[in-house]
Amino acid sequence: MFSNGENSVLNVYLRLKGQTTIENPLWSSSGNKGQRWNEAHVNIYPITSFQLIFEGIRGPGIEGDIAIDDVSIAEGECAKQDLTTKNSVDGAVGILVHIWLFPVIVLISILSPRR
């Protein structure tokens, strides 16, 4: 996220099948992260089908940008790294989510106007 203010927020929510409301983000990052790509890893433990929802709240002006690239979902635990956020050489805000225990159908919804 590159922003001229502290208003930019990227949230990731996990919604399980049958769940009608989502309260707290599974993962969140806010503020100016500079003009570089960042990486994050999140463990989830679903017991049913689920959706991952990515919400981007951009900052003001033309410099309030948020980008998501290279979203991967894999079975097993995330590697024992810094599980909050780490900077890659020139990666993007990438979310690597590992699925543990149950095979599920993954539906990814990005909160933006439909094309």
PDB file of N, CA and C in Angstrom:
ATOM      1  N   MET A   1       0.849  -1.161   0.000  1.00  0.00           N
ATOM      2  CA  MET A   1       0.000   0.000   0.000  1.00  0.00           C
ATOM      3  C   MET A   1       0.893   1.221   0.000  1.00  0.00           C
ATOM      4  N   PHE A   2       0.583   2.125  -0.867  1.00  0.00           N
ATOM      5  CA  PHE A   2       1.302   3.392  -0.916  1.00  0.00           C
ATOM      6  C   PHE A   2       0.268   4.478  -0.743  1.00  0.00           C
ATOM      7  N   SER A   3       0.442   5.318   0.249  1.00  0.00           N
ATOM      8  CA  SER A   3      -0.563   6.326   0.550  1.00  0.00           C
ATOM      9  C   SER A   3       0.115   7.575   1.078  1.00  0.00           C
ATOM     10  N   ASN A   4      -0.508   8.721   0.813  1.00  0.00           N
ATOM     11  CA  ASN A   4       0.021   9.958   1.365  1.00  0.00           C
ATOM     12  C   ASN A   4      -0.538  10.219   2.759  1.00  0.00           C
ATOM     13  N   GLY A   5      -1.290   9.290   3.292  1.00  0.00           N
ATOM     14  CA  GLY A   5      -1.846   9.419   4.637  1.00  0.00           C
ATOM     15  C   GLY A   5      -1.909   8.061   5.309  1.00  0.00           C
ATOM     16  N   GLU A   6      -2.528   8.022   6.467  1.00  0.00           N
ATOM     17  CA  GLU A   6      -2.642   6.769   7.214  1.00  0.00           C
ATOM     18  C   GLU A   6      -4.011   6.126   7.021  1.00  0.00           C
ATOM     19  N   ASN A   7      -4.748   6.508   5.980  1.00  0.00           N
ATOM     20  CA  ASN A   7      -6.121   6.042   5.816  1.00  0.00           C
ATOM     21  C   ASN A   7      -6.258   4.746   5.029  1.00  0.00           C
ATOM     22  N   SER A   8      -5.211   4.263   4.411  1.00  0.00           N
ATOM     23  CA  SER A   8      -5.300   3.039   3.616  1.00  0.00           C
ATOM     24  C   SER A   8      -5.343   1.818   4.527  1.00  0.00           C
ATOM     25  N   VAL A   9      -6.279   0.905   4.236  1.00  0.00           N
ATOM     26  CA  VAL A   9      -6.419  -0.317   5.032  1.00  0.00           C
ATOM     27  C   VAL A   9      -6.690  -1.477   4.085  1.00  0.00           C
ATOM     28  N   LEU A  10      -6.034  -2.598   4.310  1.00  0.00           N
ATOM     29  CA  LEU A  10      -6.326  -3.834   3.596  1.00  0.00           C
ATOM     30  C   LEU A  10      -6.743  -4.861   4.636  1.00  0.00           C
ATOM     31  N   ASN A  11      -7.972  -5.375   4.509  1.00  0.00           N
ATOM     32  CA  ASN A  11      -8.511  -6.370   5.437  1.00  0.00           C
ATOM     33  C   ASN A  11      -8.780  -7.665   4.695  1.00  0.00           C
ATOM     34  N   VAL A  12      -8.580  -8.783   5.374  1.00  0.00           N
ATOM     35  CA  VAL A  12      -8.954 -10.095   4.849  1.00  0.00           C
ATOM     36  C   VAL A  12      -9.893 -10.723   5.872  1.00  0.00           C
ATOM     37  N   TYR A  13     -11.065 -11.135   5.394  1.00  0.00           N
ATOM     38  CA  TYR A  13     -12.078 -11.744   6.253  1.00  0.00           C
ATOM     39  C   TYR A  13     -12.278 -13.198   5.846  1.00  0.00           C
ATOM     40  N   LEU A  14     -12.643 -14.024   6.801  1.00  0.00           N
ATOM     41  CA  LEU A  14     -12.998 -15.417   6.554  1.00  0.00           C
ATOM     42  C   LEU A  14     -14.474 -15.572   6.891  1.00  0.00           C
ATOM     43  N   ARG A  15     -15.278 -15.974   5.888  1.00  0.00           N
ATOM     44  CA  ARG A  15     -16.705 -16.214   6.114  1.00  0.00           C
ATOM     45  C   ARG A  15     -16.980 -17.689   5.876  1.00  0.00           C
ATOM     46  N   LEU A  16     -17.444 -18.377   6.917  1.00  0.00           N
ATOM     47  CA  LEU A  16     -17.786 -19.790   6.809  1.00  0.00           C
ATOM     48  C   LEU A  16     -19.177 -19.956   6.225  1.00  0.00           C
ATOM     49  N   LYS A  17     -19.439 -21.109   5.619  1.00  0.00           N
ATOM     50  CA  LYS A  17     -20.738 -21.410   5.025  1.00  0.00           C
ATOM     51  C   LYS A  17     -21.837 -21.210   6.072  1.00  0.00           C
ATOM     52  N   GLY A  18     -22.881 -20.481   5.691  1.00  0.00           N
ATOM     53  CA  GLY A  18     -23.998 -20.222   6.579  1.00  0.00           C
ATOM     54  C   GLY A  18     -23.831 -18.991   7.451  1.00  0.00           C
ATOM     55  N   GLN A  19     -22.648 -18.421   7.489  1.00  0.00           N
ATOM     56  CA  GLN A  19     -22.399 -17.235   8.305  1.00  0.00           C
ATOM     57  C   GLN A  19     -22.941 -16.014   7.575  1.00  0.00           C
ATOM     58  N   THR A  20     -23.747 -15.197   8.241  1.00  0.00           N
ATOM     59  CA  THR A  20     -24.362 -14.046   7.578  1.00  0.00           C
ATOM     60  C   THR A  20     -23.633 -12.743   7.856  1.00  0.00           C
ATOM     61  N   THR A  21     -22.925 -12.656   8.948  1.00  0.00           N
ATOM     62  CA  THR A  21     -22.191 -11.431   9.258  1.00  0.00           C
ATOM     63  C   THR A  21     -20.720 -11.752   9.486  1.00  0.00           C
ATOM     64  N   ILE A  22     -19.899 -10.752   9.238  1.00  0.00           N
ATOM     65  CA  ILE A  22     -18.461 -10.876   9.468  1.00  0.00           C
ATOM     66  C   ILE A  22     -18.073  -9.726  10.384  1.00  0.00           C
ATOM     67  N   GLU A  23     -17.451 -10.039  11.511  1.00  0.00           N
ATOM     68  CA  GLU A  23     -17.148  -8.989  12.476  1.00  0.00           C
ATOM     69  C   GLU A  23     -15.715  -8.486  12.372  1.00  0.00           C
ATOM     70  N   ASN A  24     -14.766  -9.315  12.691  1.00  0.00           N
ATOM     71  CA  ASN A  24     -13.371  -8.886  12.745  1.00  0.00           C
ATOM     72  C   ASN A  24     -12.568  -9.498  11.608  1.00  0.00           C
ATOM     73  N   PRO A  25     -11.611  -8.719  11.071  1.00  0.00           N
ATOM     74  CA  PRO A  25     -10.774  -9.283  10.009  1.00  0.00           C
ATOM     75  C   PRO A  25      -9.871 -10.398  10.528  1.00  0.00           C
ATOM     76  N   LEU A  26      -9.633 -11.367   9.662  1.00  0.00           N
ATOM     77  CA  LEU A  26      -8.674 -12.435   9.929  1.00  0.00           C
ATOM     78  C   LEU A  26      -7.258 -11.859   9.927  1.00  0.00           C
ATOM     79  N   TRP A  27      -7.044 -10.880   9.053  1.00  0.00           N
ATOM     80  CA  TRP A  27      -5.741 -10.225   8.884  1.00  0.00           C
ATOM     81  C   TRP A  27      -6.003  -8.799   8.445  1.00  0.00           C
ATOM     82  N   SER A  28      -5.166  -7.866   8.869  1.00  0.00           N
ATOM     83  CA  SER A  28      -5.342  -6.471   8.490  1.00  0.00           C
ATOM     84  C   SER A  28      -3.989  -5.775   8.445  1.00  0.00           C
ATOM     85  N   SER A  29      -3.870  -4.816   7.547  1.00  0.00           N
ATOM     86  CA  SER A  29      -2.677  -3.987   7.460  1.00  0.00           C
ATOM     87  C   SER A  29      -3.125  -2.580   7.104  1.00  0.00           C
ATOM     88  N   SER A  30      -2.511  -1.583   7.723  1.00  0.00           N
ATOM     89  CA  SER A  30      -2.924  -0.211   7.448  1.00  0.00           C
ATOM     90  C   SER A  30      -1.714   0.701   7.351  1.00  0.00           C
ATOM     91  N   GLY A  31      -1.952   1.869   6.787  1.00  0.00           N
ATOM     92  CA  GLY A  31      -0.912   2.880   6.684  1.00  0.00           C
ATOM     93  C   GLY A  31      -0.035   2.706   5.466  1.00  0.00           C
ATOM     94  N   ASN A  32       0.861   3.640   5.304  1.00  0.00           N
ATOM     95  CA  ASN A  32       1.768   3.677   4.167  1.00  0.00           C
ATOM     96  C   ASN A  32       2.833   2.596   4.317  1.00  0.00           C
ATOM     97  N   LYS A  33       2.933   1.708   3.356  1.00  0.00           N
ATOM     98  CA  LYS A  33       3.947   0.649   3.351  1.00  0.00           C
ATOM     99  C   LYS A  33       5.056   0.938   2.352  1.00  0.00           C
ATOM    100  N   GLY A  34       5.026   2.134   1.751  1.00  0.00           N
ATOM    101  CA  GLY A  34       6.048   2.503   0.788  1.00  0.00           C
ATOM    102  C   GLY A  34       5.777   1.914  -0.584  1.00  0.00           C
ATOM    103  N   GLN A  35       6.649   2.215  -1.512  1.00  0.00           N
ATOM    104  CA  GLN A  35       6.495   1.735  -2.885  1.00  0.00           C
ATOM    105  C   GLN A  35       7.237   0.416  -3.057  1.00  0.00           C
ATOM    106  N   ARG A  36       6.822  -0.584  -2.328  1.00  0.00           N
ATOM    107  CA  ARG A  36       7.408  -1.922  -2.444  1.00  0.00           C
ATOM    108  C   ARG A  36       6.298  -2.931  -2.186  1.00  0.00           C
ATOM    109  N   TRP A  37       6.526  -4.147  -2.594  1.00  0.00           N
ATOM    110  CA  TRP A  37       5.570  -5.224  -2.367  1.00  0.00           C
ATOM    111  C   TRP A  37       5.832  -5.823  -0.993  1.00  0.00           C
ATOM    112  N   ASN A  38       4.788  -6.248  -0.322  1.00  0.00           N
ATOM    113  CA  ASN A  38       4.883  -6.887   0.991  1.00  0.00           C
ATOM    114  C   ASN A  38       4.209  -8.246   0.918  1.00  0.00           C
ATOM    115  N   GLU A  39       4.531  -9.115   1.851  1.00  0.00           N
ATOM    116  CA  GLU A  39       3.994 -10.466   1.852  1.00  0.00           C
ATOM    117  C   GLU A  39       3.445 -10.782   3.234  1.00  0.00           C
ATOM    118  N   ALA A  40       2.368 -11.552   3.270  1.00  0.00           N
ATOM    119  CA  ALA A  40       1.794 -11.979   4.552  1.00  0.00           C
ATOM    120  C   ALA A  40       1.373 -13.436   4.447  1.00  0.00           C
ATOM    121  N   HIS A  41       1.406 -14.155   5.573  1.00  0.00           N
ATOM    122  CA  HIS A  41       0.991 -15.557   5.648  1.00  0.00           C
ATOM    123  C   HIS A  41      -0.035 -15.669   6.764  1.00  0.00           C
ATOM    124  N   VAL A  42      -1.117 -16.392   6.514  1.00  0.00           N
ATOM    125  CA  VAL A  42      -2.175 -16.547   7.511  1.00  0.00           C
ATOM    126  C   VAL A  42      -2.602 -18.009   7.554  1.00  0.00           C
ATOM    127  N   ASN A  43      -2.656 -18.599   8.744  1.00  0.00           N
ATOM    128  CA  ASN A  43      -3.204 -19.949   8.913  1.00  0.00           C
ATOM    129  C   ASN A  43      -4.700 -19.845   9.168  1.00  0.00           C
ATOM    130  N   ILE A  44      -5.481 -20.704   8.517  1.00  0.00           N
ATOM    131  CA  ILE A  44      -6.912 -20.784   8.791  1.00  0.00           C
ATOM    132  C   ILE A  44      -7.260 -22.240   9.058  1.00  0.00           C
ATOM    133  N   TYR A  45      -8.329 -22.470   9.803  1.00  0.00           N
ATOM    134  CA  TYR A  45      -8.737 -23.817  10.177  1.00  0.00           C
ATOM    135  C   TYR A  45     -10.232 -23.987   9.908  1.00  0.00           C
ATOM    136  N   PRO A  46     -10.639 -24.013   8.645  1.00  0.00           N
ATOM    137  CA  PRO A  46     -12.069 -24.113   8.342  1.00  0.00           C
ATOM    138  C   PRO A  46     -12.598 -25.525   8.582  1.00  0.00           C
ATOM    139  N   ILE A  47     -13.852 -25.598   8.991  1.00  0.00           N
ATOM    140  CA  ILE A  47     -14.496 -26.897   9.180  1.00  0.00           C
ATOM    141  C   ILE A  47     -15.623 -27.091   8.174  1.00  0.00           C
ATOM    142  N   THR A  48     -15.777 -26.134   7.268  1.00  0.00           N
ATOM    143  CA  THR A  48     -16.808 -26.188   6.239  1.00  0.00           C
ATOM    144  C   THR A  48     -16.355 -25.330   5.067  1.00  0.00           C
ATOM    145  N   SER A  49     -17.159 -25.242   4.027  1.00  0.00           N
ATOM    146  CA  SER A  49     -16.838 -24.362   2.900  1.00  0.00           C
ATOM    147  C   SER A  49     -16.730 -22.925   3.404  1.00  0.00           C
ATOM    148  N   PHE A  50     -15.934 -22.135   2.715  1.00  0.00           N
ATOM    149  CA  PHE A  50     -15.716 -20.770   3.187  1.00  0.00           C
ATOM    150  C   PHE A  50     -15.427 -19.830   2.032  1.00  0.00           C
ATOM    151  N   GLN A  51     -15.455 -18.546   2.326  1.00  0.00           N
ATOM    152  CA  GLN A  51     -15.047 -17.498   1.403  1.00  0.00           C
ATOM    153  C   GLN A  51     -13.956 -16.678   2.077  1.00  0.00           C
ATOM    154  N   LEU A  52     -12.962 -16.280   1.304  1.00  0.00           N
ATOM    155  CA  LEU A  52     -12.002 -15.278   1.744  1.00  0.00           C
ATOM    156  C   LEU A  52     -12.424 -13.978   1.084  1.00  0.00           C
ATOM    157  N   ILE A  53     -12.575 -12.935   1.861  1.00  0.00           N
ATOM    158  CA  ILE A  53     -13.021 -11.646   1.345  1.00  0.00           C
ATOM    159  C   ILE A  53     -11.898 -10.639   1.564  1.00  0.00           C
ATOM    160  N   PHE A  54     -11.481 -10.004   0.488  1.00  0.00           N
ATOM    161  CA  PHE A  54     -10.438  -8.988   0.536  1.00  0.00           C
ATOM    162  C   PHE A  54     -11.107  -7.627   0.435  1.00  0.00           C
ATOM    163  N   GLU A  55     -10.863  -6.760   1.416  1.00  0.00           N
ATOM    164  CA  GLU A  55     -11.441  -5.423   1.429  1.00  0.00           C
ATOM    165  C   GLU A  55     -10.305  -4.413   1.411  1.00  0.00           C
ATOM    166  N   GLY A  56     -10.303  -3.553   0.419  1.00  0.00           N
ATOM    167  CA  GLY A  56      -9.311  -2.492   0.338  1.00  0.00           C
ATOM    168  C   GLY A  56      -9.969  -1.145   0.540  1.00  0.00           C
ATOM    169  N   ILE A  57      -9.487  -0.385   1.507  1.00  0.00           N
ATOM    170  CA  ILE A  57      -9.964   0.976   1.740  1.00  0.00           C
ATOM    171  C   ILE A  57      -8.787   1.881   1.426  1.00  0.00           C
ATOM    172  N   ARG A  58      -8.884   2.586   0.316  1.00  0.00           N
ATOM    173  CA  ARG A  58      -7.754   3.386  -0.144  1.00  0.00           C
ATOM    174  C   ARG A  58      -7.700   4.743   0.534  1.00  0.00           C
ATOM    175  N   GLY A  59      -6.517   5.297   0.546  1.00  0.00           N
ATOM    176  CA  GLY A  59      -6.312   6.615   1.110  1.00  0.00           C
ATOM    177  C   GLY A  59      -6.752   7.696   0.138  1.00  0.00           C
ATOM    178  N   PRO A  60      -6.657   8.950   0.543  1.00  0.00           N
ATOM    179  CA  PRO A  60      -7.108  10.057  -0.297  1.00  0.00           C
ATOM    180  C   PRO A  60      -6.150  10.333  -1.459  1.00  0.00           C
ATOM    181  N   GLY A  61      -6.685  10.952  -2.500  1.00  0.00           N
ATOM    182  CA  GLY A  61      -5.871  11.399  -3.619  1.00  0.00           C
ATOM    183  C   GLY A  61      -5.398  10.276  -4.516  1.00  0.00           C
ATOM    184  N   ILE A  62      -4.565  10.644  -5.482  1.00  0.00           N
ATOM    185  CA  ILE A  62      -4.089   9.672  -6.462  1.00  0.00           C
ATOM    186  C   ILE A  62      -3.012   8.751  -5.898  1.00  0.00           C
ATOM    187  N   GLU A  63      -2.495   9.067  -4.721  1.00  0.00           N
ATOM    188  CA  GLU A  63      -1.448   8.240  -4.118  1.00  0.00           C
ATOM    189  C   GLU A  63      -1.991   7.263  -3.085  1.00  0.00           C
ATOM    190  N   GLY A  64      -3.295   7.099  -3.013  1.00  0.00           N
ATOM    191  CA  GLY A  64      -3.891   6.174  -2.054  1.00  0.00           C
ATOM    192  C   GLY A  64      -4.134   4.830  -2.689  1.00  0.00           C
ATOM    193  N   ASP A  65      -3.085   4.135  -3.084  1.00  0.00           N
ATOM    194  CA  ASP A  65      -3.202   2.895  -3.849  1.00  0.00           C
ATOM    195  C   ASP A  65      -3.082   1.656  -2.968  1.00  0.00           C
ATOM    196  N   ILE A  66      -3.823   0.611  -3.367  1.00  0.00           N
ATOM    197  CA  ILE A  66      -3.704  -0.708  -2.755  1.00  0.00           C
ATOM    198  C   ILE A  66      -3.691  -1.721  -3.889  1.00  0.00           C
ATOM    199  N   ALA A  67      -2.772  -2.682  -3.837  1.00  0.00           N
ATOM    200  CA  ALA A  67      -2.714  -3.730  -4.856  1.00  0.00           C
ATOM    201  C   ALA A  67      -2.573  -5.085  -4.175  1.00  0.00           C
ATOM    202  N   ILE A  68      -3.214  -6.094  -4.761  1.00  0.00           N
ATOM    203  CA  ILE A  68      -3.099  -7.471  -4.276  1.00  0.00           C
ATOM    204  C   ILE A  68      -2.603  -8.306  -5.447  1.00  0.00           C
ATOM    205  N   ASP A  69      -1.606  -9.145  -5.197  1.00  0.00           N
ATOM    206  CA  ASP A  69      -1.055  -9.975  -6.259  1.00  0.00           C
ATOM    207  C   ASP A  69      -0.647 -11.322  -5.664  1.00  0.00           C
ATOM    208  N   ASP A  70      -0.703 -12.347  -6.476  1.00  0.00           N
ATOM    209  CA  ASP A  70      -0.207 -13.674  -6.096  1.00  0.00           C
ATOM    210  C   ASP A  70      -0.835 -14.217  -4.816  1.00  0.00           C
ATOM    211  N   VAL A  71      -2.145 -14.359  -4.807  1.00  0.00           N
ATOM    212  CA  VAL A  71      -2.831 -14.992  -3.683  1.00  0.00           C
ATOM    213  C   VAL A  71      -2.741 -16.497  -3.877  1.00  0.00           C
ATOM    214  N   SER A  72      -2.221 -17.206  -2.884  1.00  0.00           N
ATOM    215  CA  SER A  72      -2.074 -18.657  -2.952  1.00  0.00           C
ATOM    216  C   SER A  72      -2.772 -19.295  -1.767  1.00  0.00           C
ATOM    217  N   ILE A  73      -3.356 -20.454  -2.012  1.00  0.00           N
ATOM    218  CA  ILE A  73      -3.975 -21.221  -0.939  1.00  0.00           C
ATOM    219  C   ILE A  73      -3.362 -22.610  -0.985  1.00  0.00           C
ATOM    220  N   ALA A  74      -2.818 -23.061   0.145  1.00  0.00           N
ATOM    221  CA  ALA A  74      -2.131 -24.348   0.195  1.00  0.00           C
ATOM    222  C   ALA A  74      -2.522 -25.090   1.462  1.00  0.00           C
ATOM    223  N   GLU A  75      -2.494 -26.412   1.395  1.00  0.00           N
ATOM    224  CA  GLU A  75      -2.807 -27.228   2.565  1.00  0.00           C
ATOM    225  C   GLU A  75      -1.599 -27.298   3.483  1.00  0.00           C
ATOM    226  N   GLY A  76      -1.835 -27.256   4.778  1.00  0.00           N
ATOM    227  CA  GLY A  76      -0.758 -27.348   5.755  1.00  0.00           C
ATOM    228  C   GLY A  76      -0.498 -26.027   6.443  1.00  0.00           C
ATOM    229  N   GLU A  77       0.341 -26.085   7.447  1.00  0.00           N
ATOM    230  CA  GLU A  77       0.691 -24.900   8.220  1.00  0.00           C
ATOM    231  C   GLU A  77       1.618 -23.990   7.418  1.00  0.00           C
ATOM    232  N   CYS A  78       1.516 -22.684   7.669  1.00  0.00           N
ATOM    233  CA  CYS A  78       2.467 -21.737   7.090  1.00  0.00           C
ATOM    234  C   CYS A  78       3.838 -21.996   7.697  1.00  0.00           C
ATOM    235  N   ALA A  79       4.866 -21.684   6.946  1.00  0.00           N
ATOM    236  CA  ALA A  79       6.228 -21.806   7.464  1.00  0.00           C
ATOM    237  C   ALA A  79       6.375 -20.915   8.686  1.00  0.00           C
ATOM    238  N   LYS A  80       7.207 -21.311   9.617  1.00  0.00           N
ATOM    239  CA  LYS A  80       7.387 -20.551  10.856  1.00  0.00           C
ATOM    240  C   LYS A  80       8.210 -19.294  10.598  1.00  0.00           C
ATOM    241  N   GLN A  81       7.595 -18.337   9.906  1.00  0.00           N
ATOM    242  CA  GLN A  81       8.216 -17.049   9.636  1.00  0.00           C
ATOM    243  C   GLN A  81       7.468 -16.010  10.439  1.00  0.00           C
ATOM    244  N   ASP A  82       7.806 -14.744  10.209  1.00  0.00           N
ATOM    245  CA  ASP A  82       7.041 -13.653  10.792  1.00  0.00           C
ATOM    246  C   ASP A  82       5.673 -13.692  10.137  1.00  0.00           C
ATOM    247  N   LEU A  83       4.643 -14.092  10.869  1.00  0.00           N
ATOM    248  CA  LEU A  83       3.323 -14.300  10.285  1.00  0.00           C
ATOM    249  C   LEU A  83       2.514 -13.025  10.163  1.00  0.00           C
ATOM    250  N   THR A  84       3.062 -11.878  10.556  1.00  0.00           N
ATOM    251  CA  THR A  84       2.317 -10.639  10.383  1.00  0.00           C
ATOM    252  C   THR A  84       2.562 -10.111   8.981  1.00  0.00           C
ATOM    253  N   THR A  85       3.682  -9.507   8.743  1.00  0.00           N
ATOM    254  CA  THR A  85       4.026  -9.007   7.416  1.00  0.00           C
ATOM    255  C   THR A  85       5.536  -8.978   7.304  1.00  0.00           C
ATOM    256  N   LYS A  86       6.048  -9.385   6.164  1.00  0.00           N
ATOM    257  CA  LYS A  86       7.475  -9.234   5.929  1.00  0.00           C
ATOM    258  C   LYS A  86       7.657  -8.636   4.547  1.00  0.00           C
ATOM    259  N   ASN A  87       8.734  -7.918   4.368  1.00  0.00           N
ATOM    260  CA  ASN A  87       8.999  -7.288   3.084  1.00  0.00           C
ATOM    261  C   ASN A  87       9.763  -8.250   2.202  1.00  0.00           C
ATOM    262  N   SER A  88       9.305  -8.392   0.982  1.00  0.00           N
ATOM    263  CA  SER A  88      10.050  -9.186   0.023  1.00  0.00           C
ATOM    264  C   SER A  88      10.869  -8.239  -0.835  1.00  0.00           C
ATOM    265  N   VAL A  89      11.754  -8.785  -1.624  1.00  0.00           N
ATOM    266  CA  VAL A  89      12.647  -7.955  -2.425  1.00  0.00           C
ATOM    267  C   VAL A  89      11.858  -6.999  -3.303  1.00  0.00           C
ATOM    268  N   ASP A  90      11.004  -7.515  -4.167  1.00  0.00           N
ATOM    269  CA  ASP A  90      10.083  -6.651  -4.876  1.00  0.00           C
ATOM    270  C   ASP A  90       8.764  -7.369  -5.101  1.00  0.00           C
ATOM    271  N   GLY A  91       8.243  -7.993  -4.042  1.00  0.00           N
ATOM    272  CA  GLY A  91       6.963  -8.687  -4.088  1.00  0.00           C
ATOM    273  C   GLY A  91       5.812  -7.721  -3.935  1.00  0.00           C
ATOM    274  N   ALA A  92       4.557  -8.179  -3.870  1.00  0.00           N
ATOM    275  CA  ALA A  92       3.389  -7.310  -3.689  1.00  0.00           C
ATOM    276  C   ALA A  92       2.740  -7.601  -2.358  1.00  0.00           C
ATOM    277  N   VAL A  93       1.674  -6.890  -2.069  1.00  0.00           N
ATOM    278  CA  VAL A  93       0.912  -7.273  -0.891  1.00  0.00           C
ATOM    279  C   VAL A  93       0.298  -8.597  -1.260  1.00  0.00           C
ATOM    280  N   GLY A  94       0.927  -9.694  -0.847  1.00  0.00           N
ATOM    281  CA  GLY A  94       0.454 -11.021  -1.195  1.00  0.00           C
ATOM    282  C   GLY A  94      -0.024 -11.720   0.058  1.00  0.00           C
ATOM    283  N   ILE A  95      -1.070 -12.452  -0.057  1.00  0.00           N
ATOM    284  CA  ILE A  95      -1.590 -13.195   1.074  1.00  0.00           C
ATOM    285  C   ILE A  95      -1.431 -14.672   0.743  1.00  0.00           C
ATOM    286  N   LEU A  96      -0.711 -15.398   1.566  1.00  0.00           N
ATOM    287  CA  LEU A  96      -0.572 -16.834   1.381  1.00  0.00           C
ATOM    288  C   LEU A  96      -1.342 -17.503   2.503  1.00  0.00           C
ATOM    289  N   VAL A  97      -2.416 -18.151   2.153  1.00  0.00           N
ATOM    290  CA  VAL A  97      -3.277 -18.773   3.148  1.00  0.00           C
ATOM    291  C   VAL A  97      -3.121 -20.277   3.046  1.00  0.00           C
ATOM    292  N   HIS A  98      -2.856 -20.932   4.164  1.00  0.00           N
ATOM    293  CA  HIS A  98      -2.708 -22.379   4.192  1.00  0.00           C
ATOM    294  C   HIS A  98      -3.944 -23.007   4.808  1.00  0.00           C
ATOM    295  N   ILE A  99      -4.473 -24.004   4.153  1.00  0.00           N
ATOM    296  CA  ILE A  99      -5.645 -24.710   4.640  1.00  0.00           C
ATOM    297  C   ILE A  99      -5.177 -25.941   5.398  1.00  0.00           C
ATOM    298  N   TRP A 100      -5.773 -26.202   6.546  1.00  0.00           N
ATOM    299  CA  TRP A 100      -5.381 -27.305   7.396  1.00  0.00           C
ATOM    300  C   TRP A 100      -6.594 -28.180   7.684  1.00  0.00           C
ATOM    301  N   LEU A 101      -6.459 -29.452   7.612  1.00  0.00           N
ATOM    302  CA  LEU A 101      -7.435 -30.468   7.988  1.00  0.00           C
ATOM    303  C   LEU A 101      -8.453 -30.850   6.920  1.00  0.00           C
ATOM    304  N   PHE A 102      -9.222 -29.962   6.369  1.00  0.00           N
ATOM    305  CA  PHE A 102     -10.344 -30.337   5.523  1.00  0.00           C
ATOM    306  C   PHE A 102     -10.206 -29.792   4.102  1.00  0.00           C
ATOM    307  N   PRO A 103     -10.479 -30.630   3.101  1.00  0.00           N
ATOM    308  CA  PRO A 103     -10.560 -30.088   1.739  1.00  0.00           C
ATOM    309  C   PRO A 103     -11.845 -29.280   1.619  1.00  0.00           C
ATOM    310  N   VAL A 104     -11.755 -28.132   1.009  1.00  0.00           N
ATOM    311  CA  VAL A 104     -12.918 -27.249   0.901  1.00  0.00           C
ATOM    312  C   VAL A 104     -12.987 -26.624  -0.476  1.00  0.00           C
ATOM    313  N   ILE A 105     -14.128 -26.112  -0.793  1.00  0.00           N
ATOM    314  CA  ILE A 105     -14.297 -25.332  -2.015  1.00  0.00           C
ATOM    315  C   ILE A 105     -14.004 -23.885  -1.666  1.00  0.00           C
ATOM    316  N   VAL A 106     -13.114 -23.263  -2.407  1.00  0.00           N
ATOM    317  CA  VAL A 106     -12.696 -21.908  -2.098  1.00  0.00           C
ATOM    318  C   VAL A 106     -13.377 -20.928  -3.043  1.00  0.00           C
ATOM    319  N   LEU A 107     -14.025 -19.988  -2.456  1.00  0.00           N
ATOM    320  CA  LEU A 107     -14.618 -18.902  -3.219  1.00  0.00           C
ATOM    321  C   LEU A 107     -13.965 -17.614  -2.750  1.00  0.00           C
ATOM    322  N   ILE A 108     -13.329 -16.913  -3.655  1.00  0.00           N
ATOM    323  CA  ILE A 108     -12.671 -15.667  -3.281  1.00  0.00           C
ATOM    324  C   ILE A 108     -13.506 -14.519  -3.816  1.00  0.00           C
ATOM    325  N   SER A 109     -13.907 -13.652  -2.924  1.00  0.00           N
ATOM    326  CA  SER A 109     -14.712 -12.494  -3.288  1.00  0.00           C
ATOM    327  C   SER A 109     -13.895 -11.242  -3.033  1.00  0.00           C
ATOM    328  N   ILE A 110     -13.773 -10.428  -4.026  1.00  0.00           N
ATOM    329  CA  ILE A 110     -13.093  -9.150  -3.865  1.00  0.00           C
ATOM    330  C   ILE A 110     -14.172  -8.080  -3.846  1.00  0.00           C
ATOM    331  N   LEU A 111     -14.182  -7.272  -2.805  1.00  0.00           N
ATOM    332  CA  LEU A 111     -15.213  -6.256  -2.654  1.00  0.00           C
ATOM    333  C   LEU A 111     -14.952  -5.108  -3.624  1.00  0.00           C
ATOM    334  N   SER A 112     -15.479  -5.258  -4.809  1.00  0.00           N
ATOM    335  CA  SER A 112     -15.371  -4.225  -5.828  1.00  0.00           C
ATOM    336  C   SER A 112     -16.550  -4.410  -6.765  1.00  0.00           C
ATOM    337  N   PRO A 113     -16.854  -3.391  -7.557  1.00  0.00           N
ATOM    338  CA  PRO A 113     -17.979  -3.539  -8.493  1.00  0.00           C
ATOM    339  C   PRO A 113     -17.766  -4.717  -9.433  1.00  0.00           C
ATOM    340  N   ARG A 114     -18.828  -5.427  -9.712  1.00  0.00           N
ATOM    341  CA  ARG A 114     -18.773  -6.560 -10.648  1.00  0.00           C
ATOM    342  C   ARG A 114     -18.549  -6.040 -12.055  1.00  0.00           C
ATOM    343  N   ARG A 115     -17.806  -6.809 -12.854  1.00  0.00           N
ATOM    344  CA  ARG A 115     -17.563  -6.411 -14.248  1.00  0.00           C
ATOM    345  C   ARG A 115     -18.654  -6.917 -15.131  1.00  0.00           C
TER     346      ARG A 115
END
